[in-house]
């Protein structure tokens, strides 16, 4: 009698595995995936920093980017006061400097020159 009750069916052993798989799936879509998206956005923001951008550091310091290096950013936090920060220390860009696209050189057609 005890043996018959313990072998209650094949689905009983599959349920815990499905619950664990469901738990991992929920954790992936609710925690891991959004974090990866935020990390990619932060990396792209830090990669596009340029002089003139107004930024906030992770410590809450506001400043204007005056120089950019491979790993560091030079900020002017007050007139004449410049500090150097690692790129990952930049939390967000407050105001982006206007980007001036270089004008494409105008090439004249050989036919237009003759006329």
PDB file of N, CA and C in Angstrom:
ATOM      1  N   UNK A   1       0.819  -1.186   0.000  1.00  0.00           N
ATOM      2  CA  UNK A   1       0.000   0.000   0.000  1.00  0.00           C
ATOM      3  C   UNK A   1       0.869   1.258   0.000  1.00  0.00           C
ATOM      4  N   UNK A   2       1.912   1.279   0.787  1.00  0.00           N
ATOM      5  CA  UNK A   2       2.804   2.408   0.848  1.00  0.00           C
ATOM      6  C   UNK A   2       3.518   2.598  -0.488  1.00  0.00           C
ATOM      7  N   UNK A   3       3.897   1.512  -1.137  1.00  0.00           N
ATOM      8  CA  UNK A   3       4.568   1.590  -2.430  1.00  0.00           C
ATOM      9  C   UNK A   3       3.661   2.185  -3.494  1.00  0.00           C
ATOM     10  N   UNK A   4       2.416   1.859  -3.512  1.00  0.00           N
ATOM     11  CA  UNK A   4       1.462   2.368  -4.492  1.00  0.00           C
ATOM     12  C   UNK A   4       1.256   3.873  -4.305  1.00  0.00           C
ATOM     13  N   UNK A   5       1.254   4.367  -3.105  1.00  0.00           N
ATOM     14  CA  UNK A   5       1.046   5.788  -2.847  1.00  0.00           C
ATOM     15  C   UNK A   5       2.284   6.593  -3.238  1.00  0.00           C
ATOM     16  N   UNK A   6       3.470   6.029  -3.066  1.00  0.00           N
ATOM     17  CA  UNK A   6       4.706   6.742  -3.379  1.00  0.00           C
ATOM     18  C   UNK A   6       4.937   6.863  -4.871  1.00  0.00           C
ATOM     19  N   UNK A   7       4.456   5.926  -5.663  1.00  0.00           N
ATOM     20  CA  UNK A   7       4.682   5.971  -7.108  1.00  0.00           C
ATOM     21  C   UNK A   7       3.574   6.710  -7.826  1.00  0.00           C
ATOM     22  N   UNK A   8       2.903   7.603  -7.220  1.00  0.00           N
ATOM     23  CA  UNK A   8       1.741   8.352  -7.659  1.00  0.00           C
ATOM     24  C   UNK A   8       1.660   8.763  -9.113  1.00  0.00           C
ATOM     25  N   UNK A   9       2.577   8.513  -9.981  1.00  0.00           N
ATOM     26  CA  UNK A   9       2.469   8.852 -11.391  1.00  0.00           C
ATOM     27  C   UNK A   9       3.760   9.481 -11.900  1.00  0.00           C
ATOM     28  N   UNK A  10       3.910   9.518 -13.214  1.00  0.00           N
ATOM     29  CA  UNK A  10       5.127  10.040 -13.824  1.00  0.00           C
ATOM     30  C   UNK A  10       5.169  11.550 -13.868  1.00  0.00           C
ATOM     31  N   UNK A  11       4.044  12.224 -13.826  1.00  0.00           N
ATOM     32  CA  UNK A  11       4.002  13.676 -13.913  1.00  0.00           C
ATOM     33  C   UNK A  11       4.520  14.347 -12.644  1.00  0.00           C
ATOM     34  N   UNK A  12       4.513  13.662 -11.544  1.00  0.00           N
ATOM     35  CA  UNK A  12       4.968  14.231 -10.281  1.00  0.00           C
ATOM     36  C   UNK A  12       6.452  14.562 -10.312  1.00  0.00           C
ATOM     37  N   UNK A  13       7.262  13.816 -11.032  1.00  0.00           N
ATOM     38  CA  UNK A  13       8.686  14.088 -11.111  1.00  0.00           C
ATOM     39  C   UNK A  13       9.009  15.195 -12.108  1.00  0.00           C
ATOM     40  N   UNK A  14       8.124  15.475 -13.023  1.00  0.00           N
ATOM     41  CA  UNK A  14       8.351  16.483 -14.052  1.00  0.00           C
ATOM     42  C   UNK A  14       7.963  17.888 -13.592  1.00  0.00           C
ATOM     43  N   UNK A  15       7.046  17.986 -12.650  1.00  0.00           N
ATOM     44  CA  UNK A  15       6.559  19.280 -12.182  1.00  0.00           C
ATOM     45  C   UNK A  15       7.655  20.149 -11.556  1.00  0.00           C
ATOM     46  N   UNK A  16       8.505  19.636 -10.673  1.00  0.00           N
ATOM     47  CA  UNK A  16       9.552  20.505 -10.117  1.00  0.00           C
ATOM     48  C   UNK A  16      10.534  21.015 -11.175  1.00  0.00           C
ATOM     49  N   UNK A  17      10.837  20.201 -12.149  1.00  0.00           N
ATOM     50  CA  UNK A  17      11.748  20.628 -13.218  1.00  0.00           C
ATOM     51  C   UNK A  17      11.109  21.749 -14.032  1.00  0.00           C
ATOM     52  N   UNK A  18       9.821  21.645 -14.335  1.00  0.00           N
ATOM     53  CA  UNK A  18       9.117  22.696 -15.065  1.00  0.00           C
ATOM     54  C   UNK A  18       9.036  23.978 -14.240  1.00  0.00           C
ATOM     55  N   UNK A  19       8.833  23.853 -12.948  1.00  0.00           N
ATOM     56  CA  UNK A  19       8.770  25.050 -12.088  1.00  0.00           C
ATOM     57  C   UNK A  19      10.125  25.760 -12.046  1.00  0.00           C
ATOM     58  N   UNK A  20      11.216  25.007 -11.973  1.00  0.00           N
ATOM     59  CA  UNK A  20      12.550  25.607 -11.958  1.00  0.00           C
ATOM     60  C   UNK A  20      12.837  26.282 -13.304  1.00  0.00           C
ATOM     61  N   UNK A  21      12.481  25.639 -14.399  1.00  0.00           N
ATOM     62  CA  UNK A  21      12.680  26.226 -15.723  1.00  0.00           C
ATOM     63  C   UNK A  21      11.847  27.504 -15.868  1.00  0.00           C
ATOM     64  N   UNK A  22      10.625  27.483 -15.383  1.00  0.00           N
ATOM     65  CA  UNK A  22       9.768  28.671 -15.429  1.00  0.00           C
ATOM     66  C   UNK A  22      10.360  29.798 -14.578  1.00  0.00           C
ATOM     67  N   UNK A  23      10.894  29.463 -13.421  1.00  0.00           N
ATOM     68  CA  UNK A  23      11.515  30.456 -12.557  1.00  0.00           C
ATOM     69  C   UNK A  23      12.717  31.106 -13.238  1.00  0.00           C
ATOM     70  N   UNK A  24      13.565  30.304 -13.887  1.00  0.00           N
ATOM     71  CA  UNK A  24      14.712  30.859 -14.613  1.00  0.00           C
ATOM     72  C   UNK A  24      14.261  31.730 -15.786  1.00  0.00           C
ATOM     73  N   UNK A  25      13.226  31.327 -16.481  1.00  0.00           N
ATOM     74  CA  UNK A  25      12.698  32.120 -17.586  1.00  0.00           C
ATOM     75  C   UNK A  25      12.182  33.468 -17.116  1.00  0.00           C
ATOM     76  N   UNK A  26      11.442  33.488 -16.024  1.00  0.00           N
ATOM     77  CA  UNK A  26      10.917  34.738 -15.478  1.00  0.00           C
ATOM     78  C   UNK A  26      12.063  35.628 -15.015  1.00  0.00           C
ATOM     79  N   UNK A  27      13.060  35.059 -14.348  1.00  0.00           N
ATOM     80  CA  UNK A  27      14.203  35.845 -13.886  1.00  0.00           C
ATOM     81  C   UNK A  27      14.963  36.450 -15.058  1.00  0.00           C
ATOM     82  N   UNK A  28      15.097  35.698 -16.141  1.00  0.00           N
ATOM     83  CA  UNK A  28      15.810  36.212 -17.312  1.00  0.00           C
ATOM     84  C   UNK A  28      15.087  37.420 -17.894  1.00  0.00           C
ATOM     85  N   UNK A  29      13.778  37.297 -18.111  1.00  0.00           N
ATOM     86  CA  UNK A  29      13.041  38.373 -18.763  1.00  0.00           C
ATOM     87  C   UNK A  29      12.741  39.555 -17.843  1.00  0.00           C
ATOM     88  N   UNK A  30      12.752  39.349 -16.525  1.00  0.00           N
ATOM     89  CA  UNK A  30      12.430  40.450 -15.623  1.00  0.00           C
ATOM     90  C   UNK A  30      13.664  41.105 -15.007  1.00  0.00           C
ATOM     91  N   UNK A  31      14.808  40.399 -14.986  1.00  0.00           N
ATOM     92  CA  UNK A  31      15.981  40.957 -14.329  1.00  0.00           C
ATOM     93  C   UNK A  31      17.204  41.043 -15.240  1.00  0.00           C
ATOM     94  N   UNK A  32      17.577  39.969 -15.856  1.00  0.00           N
ATOM     95  CA  UNK A  32      18.830  39.915 -16.610  1.00  0.00           C
ATOM     96  C   UNK A  32      18.741  40.711 -17.899  1.00  0.00           C
ATOM     97  N   UNK A  33      17.726  40.508 -18.684  1.00  0.00           N
ATOM     98  CA  UNK A  33      17.593  41.176 -19.980  1.00  0.00           C
ATOM     99  C   UNK A  33      17.496  42.698 -19.858  1.00  0.00           C
ATOM    100  N   UNK A  34      16.665  43.250 -18.963  1.00  0.00           N
ATOM    101  CA  UNK A  34      16.627  44.712 -18.822  1.00  0.00           C
ATOM    102  C   UNK A  34      17.964  45.294 -18.348  1.00  0.00           C
ATOM    103  N   UNK A  35      18.670  44.565 -17.471  1.00  0.00           N
ATOM    104  CA  UNK A  35      19.959  45.051 -17.006  1.00  0.00           C
ATOM    105  C   UNK A  35      20.966  45.109 -18.147  1.00  0.00           C
ATOM    106  N   UNK A  36      20.961  44.099 -19.011  1.00  0.00           N
ATOM    107  CA  UNK A  36      21.852  44.104 -20.178  1.00  0.00           C
ATOM    108  C   UNK A  36      21.527  45.266 -21.100  1.00  0.00           C
ATOM    109  N   UNK A  37      20.244  45.582 -21.270  1.00  0.00           N
ATOM    110  CA  UNK A  37      19.836  46.686 -22.124  1.00  0.00           C
ATOM    111  C   UNK A  37      20.319  48.020 -21.549  1.00  0.00           C
ATOM    112  N   UNK A  38      20.158  48.214 -20.226  1.00  0.00           N
ATOM    113  CA  UNK A  38      20.631  49.443 -19.590  1.00  0.00           C
ATOM    114  C   UNK A  38      22.152  49.577 -19.699  1.00  0.00           C
ATOM    115  N   UNK A  39      22.874  48.457 -19.566  1.00  0.00           N
ATOM    116  CA  UNK A  39      24.325  48.496 -19.657  1.00  0.00           C
ATOM    117  C   UNK A  39      24.771  48.891 -21.061  1.00  0.00           C
ATOM    118  N   UNK A  40      24.119  48.362 -22.082  1.00  0.00           N
ATOM    119  CA  UNK A  40      24.456  48.719 -23.468  1.00  0.00           C
ATOM    120  C   UNK A  40      24.161  50.193 -23.740  1.00  0.00           C
ATOM    121  N   UNK A  41      23.046  50.699 -23.222  1.00  0.00           N
ATOM    122  CA  UNK A  41      22.713  52.113 -23.408  1.00  0.00           C
ATOM    123  C   UNK A  41      23.740  53.012 -22.725  1.00  0.00           C
ATOM    124  N   UNK A  42      24.178  52.633 -21.528  1.00  0.00           N
ATOM    125  CA  UNK A  42      25.175  53.433 -20.803  1.00  0.00           C
ATOM    126  C   UNK A  42      26.510  53.415 -21.535  1.00  0.00           C
ATOM    127  N   UNK A  43      26.905  52.258 -22.056  1.00  0.00           N
ATOM    128  CA  UNK A  43      28.163  52.168 -22.798  1.00  0.00           C
ATOM    129  C   UNK A  43      28.119  53.008 -24.061  1.00  0.00           C
ATOM    130  N   UNK A  44      26.990  53.006 -24.769  1.00  0.00           N
ATOM    131  CA  UNK A  44      26.901  53.802 -25.993  1.00  0.00           C
ATOM    132  C   UNK A  44      26.894  55.293 -25.666  1.00  0.00           C
ATOM    133  N   UNK A  45      26.247  55.687 -24.554  1.00  0.00           N
ATOM    134  CA  UNK A  45      26.250  57.087 -24.142  1.00  0.00           C
ATOM    135  C   UNK A  45      27.664  57.523 -23.794  1.00  0.00           C
ATOM    136  N   UNK A  46      28.397  56.690 -23.071  1.00  0.00           N
ATOM    137  CA  UNK A  46      29.757  57.031 -22.672  1.00  0.00           C
ATOM    138  C   UNK A  46      30.701  57.049 -23.866  1.00  0.00           C
ATOM    139  N   UNK A  47      30.411  56.270 -24.873  1.00  0.00           N
ATOM    140  CA  UNK A  47      31.260  56.236 -26.060  1.00  0.00           C
ATOM    141  C   UNK A  47      31.047  57.468 -26.948  1.00  0.00           C
ATOM    142  N   UNK A  48      29.887  58.105 -26.846  1.00  0.00           N
ATOM    143  CA  UNK A  48      29.587  59.247 -27.710  1.00  0.00           C
ATOM    144  C   UNK A  48      29.803  60.590 -27.017  1.00  0.00           C
ATOM    145  N   UNK A  49      30.470  60.590 -25.869  1.00  0.00           N
ATOM    146  CA  UNK A  49      30.750  61.857 -25.194  1.00  0.00           C
ATOM    147  C   UNK A  49      31.680  62.707 -26.046  1.00  0.00           C
ATOM    148  N   UNK A  50      31.426  64.001 -26.059  1.00  0.00           N
ATOM    149  CA  UNK A  50      32.281  64.908 -26.814  1.00  0.00           C
ATOM    150  C   UNK A  50      32.368  66.241 -26.066  1.00  0.00           C
ATOM    151  N   UNK A  51      33.380  67.030 -26.353  1.00  0.00           N
ATOM    152  CA  UNK A  51      33.525  68.329 -25.677  1.00  0.00           C
ATOM    153  C   UNK A  51      32.280  69.196 -25.863  1.00  0.00           C
ATOM    154  N   UNK A  52      31.884  69.839 -24.780  1.00  0.00           N
ATOM    155  CA  UNK A  52      30.697  70.681 -24.807  1.00  0.00           C
ATOM    156  C   UNK A  52      29.481  70.038 -24.174  1.00  0.00           C
ATOM    157  N   UNK A  53      29.487  68.724 -24.009  1.00  0.00           N
ATOM    158  CA  UNK A  53      28.359  68.042 -23.382  1.00  0.00           C
ATOM    159  C   UNK A  53      28.322  68.353 -21.893  1.00  0.00           C
ATOM    160  N   UNK A  54      27.134  68.620 -21.377  1.00  0.00           N
ATOM    161  CA  UNK A  54      26.956  68.790 -19.942  1.00  0.00           C
ATOM    162  C   UNK A  54      26.533  67.444 -19.377  1.00  0.00           C
ATOM    163  N   UNK A  55      27.263  66.961 -18.364  1.00  0.00           N
ATOM    164  CA  UNK A  55      27.036  65.622 -17.835  1.00  0.00           C
ATOM    165  C   UNK A  55      26.912  65.649 -16.316  1.00  0.00           C
ATOM    166  N   UNK A  56      26.436  64.533 -15.768  1.00  0.00           N
ATOM    167  CA  UNK A  56      26.370  64.306 -14.330  1.00  0.00           C
ATOM    168  C   UNK A  56      27.151  63.028 -14.051  1.00  0.00           C
ATOM    169  N   UNK A  57      28.036  63.078 -13.051  1.00  0.00           N
ATOM    170  CA  UNK A  57      28.792  61.887 -12.680  1.00  0.00           C
ATOM    171  C   UNK A  57      27.951  61.025 -11.740  1.00  0.00           C
ATOM    172  N   UNK A  58      28.439  59.818 -11.449  1.00  0.00           N
ATOM    173  CA  UNK A  58      27.702  58.939 -10.542  1.00  0.00           C
ATOM    174  C   UNK A  58      27.683  59.488  -9.129  1.00  0.00           C
ATOM    175  N   UNK A  59      28.583  60.425  -8.822  1.00  0.00           N
ATOM    176  CA  UNK A  59      28.594  61.067  -7.514  1.00  0.00           C
ATOM    177  C   UNK A  59      27.695  62.284  -7.440  1.00  0.00           C
ATOM    178  N   UNK A  60      27.069  62.667  -8.555  1.00  0.00           N
ATOM    179  CA  UNK A  60      26.153  63.800  -8.572  1.00  0.00           C
ATOM    180  C   UNK A  60      26.804  65.116  -8.944  1.00  0.00           C
ATOM    181  N   UNK A  61      28.031  65.084  -9.431  1.00  0.00           N
ATOM    182  CA  UNK A  61      28.744  66.306  -9.803  1.00  0.00           C
ATOM    183  C   UNK A  61      28.395  66.683 -11.242  1.00  0.00           C
ATOM    184  N   UNK A  62      27.932  67.923 -11.430  1.00  0.00           N
ATOM    185  CA  UNK A  62      27.619  68.423 -12.759  1.00  0.00           C
ATOM    186  C   UNK A  62      28.874  69.053 -13.353  1.00  0.00           C
ATOM    187  N   UNK A  63      29.074  68.865 -14.639  1.00  0.00           N
ATOM    188  CA  UNK A  63      30.219  69.471 -15.292  1.00  0.00           C
ATOM    189  C   UNK A  63      30.056  69.477 -16.795  1.00  0.00           C
ATOM    190  N   UNK A  64      30.966  70.158 -17.467  1.00  0.00           N
ATOM    191  CA  UNK A  64      30.975  70.236 -18.924  1.00  0.00           C
ATOM    192  C   UNK A  64      32.209  69.523 -19.431  1.00  0.00           C
ATOM    193  N   UNK A  65      32.026  68.652 -20.402  1.00  0.00           N
ATOM    194  CA  UNK A  65      33.146  67.898 -20.959  1.00  0.00           C
ATOM    195  C   UNK A  65      34.036  68.858 -21.742  1.00  0.00           C
ATOM    196  N   UNK A  66      35.322  68.862 -21.404  1.00  0.00           N
ATOM    197  CA  UNK A  66      36.274  69.694 -22.131  1.00  0.00           C
ATOM    198  C   UNK A  66      37.263  68.861 -22.927  1.00  0.00           C
ATOM    199  N   UNK A  67      37.407  67.607 -22.569  1.00  0.00           N
ATOM    200  CA  UNK A  67      38.325  66.737 -23.295  1.00  0.00           C
ATOM    201  C   UNK A  67      37.935  65.284 -23.098  1.00  0.00           C
ATOM    202  N   UNK A  68      38.204  64.476 -24.113  1.00  0.00           N
ATOM    203  CA  UNK A  68      37.866  63.059 -24.063  1.00  0.00           C
ATOM    204  C   UNK A  68      39.088  62.261 -24.491  1.00  0.00           C
ATOM    205  N   UNK A  69      39.410  61.234 -23.710  1.00  0.00           N
ATOM    206  CA  UNK A  69      40.501  60.323 -24.021  1.00  0.00           C
ATOM    207  C   UNK A  69      39.904  58.922 -24.154  1.00  0.00           C
ATOM    208  N   UNK A  70      40.732  57.922 -24.383  1.00  0.00           N
ATOM    209  CA  UNK A  70      40.219  56.561 -24.516  1.00  0.00           C
ATOM    210  C   UNK A  70      39.475  56.096 -23.273  1.00  0.00           C
ATOM    211  N   UNK A  71      40.066  56.309 -22.090  1.00  0.00           N
ATOM    212  CA  UNK A  71      39.477  55.817 -20.853  1.00  0.00           C
ATOM    213  C   UNK A  71      39.003  56.911 -19.908  1.00  0.00           C
ATOM    214  N   UNK A  72      39.348  58.150 -20.184  1.00  0.00           N
ATOM    215  CA  UNK A  72      39.026  59.226 -19.252  1.00  0.00           C
ATOM    216  C   UNK A  72      38.289  60.362 -19.931  1.00  0.00           C
ATOM    217  N   UNK A  73      37.634  61.172 -19.094  1.00  0.00           N
ATOM    218  CA  UNK A  73      36.901  62.350 -19.552  1.00  0.00           C
ATOM    219  C   UNK A  73      37.340  63.515 -18.671  1.00  0.00           C
ATOM    220  N   UNK A  74      37.649  64.625 -19.286  1.00  0.00           N
ATOM    221  CA  UNK A  74      38.054  65.824 -18.559  1.00  0.00           C
ATOM    222  C   UNK A  74      36.840  66.738 -18.438  1.00  0.00           C
ATOM    223  N   UNK A  75      36.442  67.050 -17.183  1.00  0.00           N
ATOM    224  CA  UNK A  75      35.262  67.872 -16.934  1.00  0.00           C
ATOM    225  C   UNK A  75      35.667  69.205 -16.337  1.00  0.00           C
ATOM    226  N   UNK A  76      34.981  70.245 -16.765  1.00  0.00           N
ATOM    227  CA  UNK A  76      35.137  71.549 -16.140  1.00  0.00           C
ATOM    228  C   UNK A  76      33.957  71.721 -15.193  1.00  0.00           C
ATOM    229  N   UNK A  77      34.228  71.713 -13.887  1.00  0.00           N
ATOM    230  CA  UNK A  77      33.167  71.772 -12.890  1.00  0.00           C
ATOM    231  C   UNK A  77      32.906  73.198 -12.410  1.00  0.00           C
ATOM    232  N   UNK A  78      33.854  74.091 -12.630  1.00  0.00           N
ATOM    233  CA  UNK A  78      33.723  75.511 -12.313  1.00  0.00           C
ATOM    234  C   UNK A  78      34.665  76.238 -13.263  1.00  0.00           C
ATOM    235  N   UNK A  79      34.489  77.537 -13.455  1.00  0.00           N
ATOM    236  CA  UNK A  79      35.388  78.242 -14.364  1.00  0.00           C
ATOM    237  C   UNK A  79      36.854  78.089 -13.921  1.00  0.00           C
ATOM    238  N   UNK A  80      37.631  77.474 -14.786  1.00  0.00           N
ATOM    239  CA  UNK A  80      39.045  77.267 -14.525  1.00  0.00           C
ATOM    240  C   UNK A  80      39.369  76.027 -13.704  1.00  0.00           C
ATOM    241  N   UNK A  81      38.372  75.254 -13.270  1.00  0.00           N
ATOM    242  CA  UNK A  81      38.598  74.047 -12.475  1.00  0.00           C
ATOM    243  C   UNK A  81      38.231  72.830 -13.316  1.00  0.00           C
ATOM    244  N   UNK A  82      39.238  72.018 -13.630  1.00  0.00           N
ATOM    245  CA  UNK A  82      39.012  70.827 -14.432  1.00  0.00           C
ATOM    246  C   UNK A  82      39.378  69.589 -13.631  1.00  0.00           C
ATOM    247  N   UNK A  83      38.562  68.561 -13.748  1.00  0.00           N
ATOM    248  CA  UNK A  83      38.811  67.295 -13.080  1.00  0.00           C
ATOM    249  C   UNK A  83      38.745  66.180 -14.104  1.00  0.00           C
ATOM    250  N   UNK A  84      39.442  65.092 -13.814  1.00  0.00           N
ATOM    251  CA  UNK A  84      39.490  63.961 -14.739  1.00  0.00           C
ATOM    252  C   UNK A  84      38.731  62.785 -14.130  1.00  0.00           C
ATOM    253  N   UNK A  85      37.879  62.163 -14.919  1.00  0.00           N
ATOM    254  CA  UNK A  85      37.061  61.040 -14.483  1.00  0.00           C
ATOM    255  C   UNK A  85      37.200  59.888 -15.470  1.00  0.00           C
ATOM    256  N   UNK A  86      36.991  58.686 -14.972  1.00  0.00           N
ATOM    257  CA  UNK A  86      36.904  57.517 -15.846  1.00  0.00           C
ATOM    258  C   UNK A  86      35.577  57.587 -16.590  1.00  0.00           C
ATOM    259  N   UNK A  87      35.539  57.100 -17.806  1.00  0.00           N
ATOM    260  CA  UNK A  87      34.293  57.149 -18.598  1.00  0.00           C
ATOM    261  C   UNK A  87      33.107  56.505 -17.881  1.00  0.00           C
ATOM    262  N   UNK A  88      33.293  55.326 -17.232  1.00  0.00           N
ATOM    263  CA  UNK A  88      32.127  54.726 -16.554  1.00  0.00           C
ATOM    264  C   UNK A  88      31.581  55.558 -15.399  1.00  0.00           C
ATOM    265  N   UNK A  89      32.301  56.582 -14.946  1.00  0.00           N
ATOM    266  CA  UNK A  89      31.816  57.433 -13.862  1.00  0.00           C
ATOM    267  C   UNK A  89      30.787  58.446 -14.344  1.00  0.00           C
ATOM    268  N   UNK A  90      30.571  58.554 -15.646  1.00  0.00           N
ATOM    269  CA  UNK A  90      29.574  59.482 -16.185  1.00  0.00           C
ATOM    270  C   UNK A  90      28.224  58.766 -16.160  1.00  0.00           C
ATOM    271  N   UNK A  91      27.289  59.314 -15.382  1.00  0.00           N
ATOM    272  CA  UNK A  91      25.985  58.668 -15.224  1.00  0.00           C
ATOM    273  C   UNK A  91      25.032  59.004 -16.362  1.00  0.00           C
ATOM    274  N   UNK A  92      24.979  60.296 -16.735  1.00  0.00           N
ATOM    275  CA  UNK A  92      24.054  60.679 -17.812  1.00  0.00           C
ATOM    276  C   UNK A  92      24.482  62.004 -18.413  1.00  0.00           C
ATOM    277  N   UNK A  93      23.971  62.247 -19.599  1.00  0.00           N
ATOM    278  CA  UNK A  93      24.233  63.499 -20.298  1.00  0.00           C
ATOM    279  C   UNK A  93      23.017  64.399 -20.084  1.00  0.00           C
ATOM    280  N   UNK A  94      23.249  65.600 -19.559  1.00  0.00           N
ATOM    281  CA  UNK A  94      22.160  66.544 -19.304  1.00  0.00           C
ATOM    282  C   UNK A  94      21.811  67.269 -20.598  1.00  0.00           C
ATOM    283  N   UNK A  95      22.804  67.901 -21.218  1.00  0.00           N
ATOM    284  CA  UNK A  95      22.618  68.607 -22.488  1.00  0.00           C
ATOM    285  C   UNK A  95      23.764  68.224 -23.408  1.00  0.00           C
ATOM    286  N   UNK A  96      23.413  67.786 -24.600  1.00  0.00           N
ATOM    287  CA  UNK A  96      24.446  67.480 -25.583  1.00  0.00           C
ATOM    288  C   UNK A  96      24.805  68.724 -26.349  1.00  0.00           C
ATOM    289  N   UNK A  97      26.097  68.868 -26.621  1.00  0.00           N
ATOM    290  CA  UNK A  97      26.540  69.982 -27.461  1.00  0.00           C
ATOM    291  C   UNK A  97      26.054  69.723 -28.872  1.00  0.00           C
ATOM    292  N   UNK A  98      25.765  70.790 -29.581  1.00  0.00           N
ATOM    293  CA  UNK A  98      25.319  70.633 -30.959  1.00  0.00           C
ATOM    294  C   UNK A  98      26.459  70.107 -31.800  1.00  0.00           C
ATOM    295  N   UNK A  99      26.177  69.057 -32.509  1.00  0.00           N
ATOM    296  CA  UNK A  99      27.189  68.436 -33.351  1.00  0.00           C
ATOM    297  C   UNK A  99      27.157  69.110 -34.714  1.00  0.00           C
ATOM    298  N   UNK A 100      28.291  69.564 -35.171  1.00  0.00           N
ATOM    299  CA  UNK A 100      28.387  70.180 -36.493  1.00  0.00           C
ATOM    300  C   UNK A 100      28.987  69.146 -37.421  1.00  0.00           C
ATOM    301  N   UNK A 101      28.200  68.724 -38.363  1.00  0.00           N
ATOM    302  CA  UNK A 101      28.670  67.747 -39.341  1.00  0.00           C
ATOM    303  C   UNK A 101      29.550  68.446 -40.361  1.00  0.00           C
ATOM    304  N   UNK A 102      30.700  67.868 -40.664  1.00  0.00           N
ATOM    305  CA  UNK A 102      31.547  68.494 -41.683  1.00  0.00           C
ATOM    306  C   UNK A 102      30.863  68.449 -43.045  1.00  0.00           C
ATOM    307  N   UNK A 103      30.953  69.555 -43.745  1.00  0.00           N
ATOM    308  CA  UNK A 103      30.323  69.635 -45.067  1.00  0.00           C
ATOM    309  C   UNK A 103      31.095  68.771 -46.046  1.00  0.00           C
ATOM    310  N   UNK A 104      30.355  68.112 -46.904  1.00  0.00           N
ATOM    311  CA  UNK A 104      31.008  67.290 -47.918  1.00  0.00           C
ATOM    312  C   UNK A 104      31.614  68.202 -48.974  1.00  0.00           C
ATOM    313  N   UNK A 105      32.805  67.864 -49.443  1.00  0.00           N
ATOM    314  CA  UNK A 105      33.407  68.707 -50.477  1.00  0.00           C
ATOM    315  C   UNK A 105      32.577  68.676 -51.755  1.00  0.00           C
ATOM    316  N   UNK A 106      32.433  69.841 -52.339  1.00  0.00           N
ATOM    317  CA  UNK A 106      31.652  69.959 -53.563  1.00  0.00           C
ATOM    318  C   UNK A 106      32.566  69.637 -54.744  1.00  0.00           C
ATOM    319  N   UNK A 107      32.147  68.653 -55.496  1.00  0.00           N
ATOM    320  CA  UNK A 107      32.916  68.310 -56.702  1.00  0.00           C
ATOM    321  C   UNK A 107      32.132  68.786 -57.910  1.00  0.00           C
ATOM    322  N   UNK A 108      32.788  69.498 -58.735  1.00  0.00           N
ATOM    323  CA  UNK A 108      32.120  70.027 -59.920  1.00  0.00           C
ATOM    324  C   UNK A 108      32.233  69.022 -61.049  1.00  0.00           C
ATOM    325  N   UNK A 109      31.175  68.927 -61.779  1.00  0.00           N
ATOM    326  CA  UNK A 109      31.158  68.052 -62.939  1.00  0.00           C
ATOM    327  C   UNK A 109      32.044  68.644 -64.054  1.00  0.00           C
ATOM    328  N   UNK A 110      32.707  67.815 -64.788  1.00  0.00           N
ATOM    329  CA  UNK A 110      33.542  68.289 -65.881  1.00  0.00           C
ATOM    330  C   UNK A 110      32.696  68.972 -66.960  1.00  0.00           C
ATOM    331  N   UNK A 111      31.468  68.484 -67.202  1.00  0.00           N
ATOM    332  CA  UNK A 111      30.596  69.089 -68.198  1.00  0.00           C
ATOM    333  C   UNK A 111      30.108  70.464 -67.761  1.00  0.00           C
ATOM    334  N   UNK A 112      29.853  70.627 -66.452  1.00  0.00           N
ATOM    335  CA  UNK A 112      29.353  71.902 -65.958  1.00  0.00           C
ATOM    336  C   UNK A 112      30.441  72.977 -66.046  1.00  0.00           C
ATOM    337  N   UNK A 113      31.698  72.600 -65.930  1.00  0.00           N
ATOM    338  CA  UNK A 113      32.778  73.559 -65.987  1.00  0.00           C
ATOM    339  C   UNK A 113      32.942  74.093 -67.404  1.00  0.00           C
ATOM    340  N   UNK A 114      32.741  73.261 -68.425  1.00  0.00           N
ATOM    341  CA  UNK A 114      32.910  73.652 -69.818  1.00  0.00           C
ATOM    342  C   UNK A 114      31.842  74.643 -70.256  1.00  0.00           C
ATOM    343  N   UNK A 115      30.665  74.566 -69.685  1.00  0.00           N
ATOM    344  CA  UNK A 115      29.559  75.414 -70.150  1.00  0.00           C
ATOM    345  C   UNK A 115      29.571  76.772 -69.578  1.00  0.00           C
TER     346      UNK A 115
END
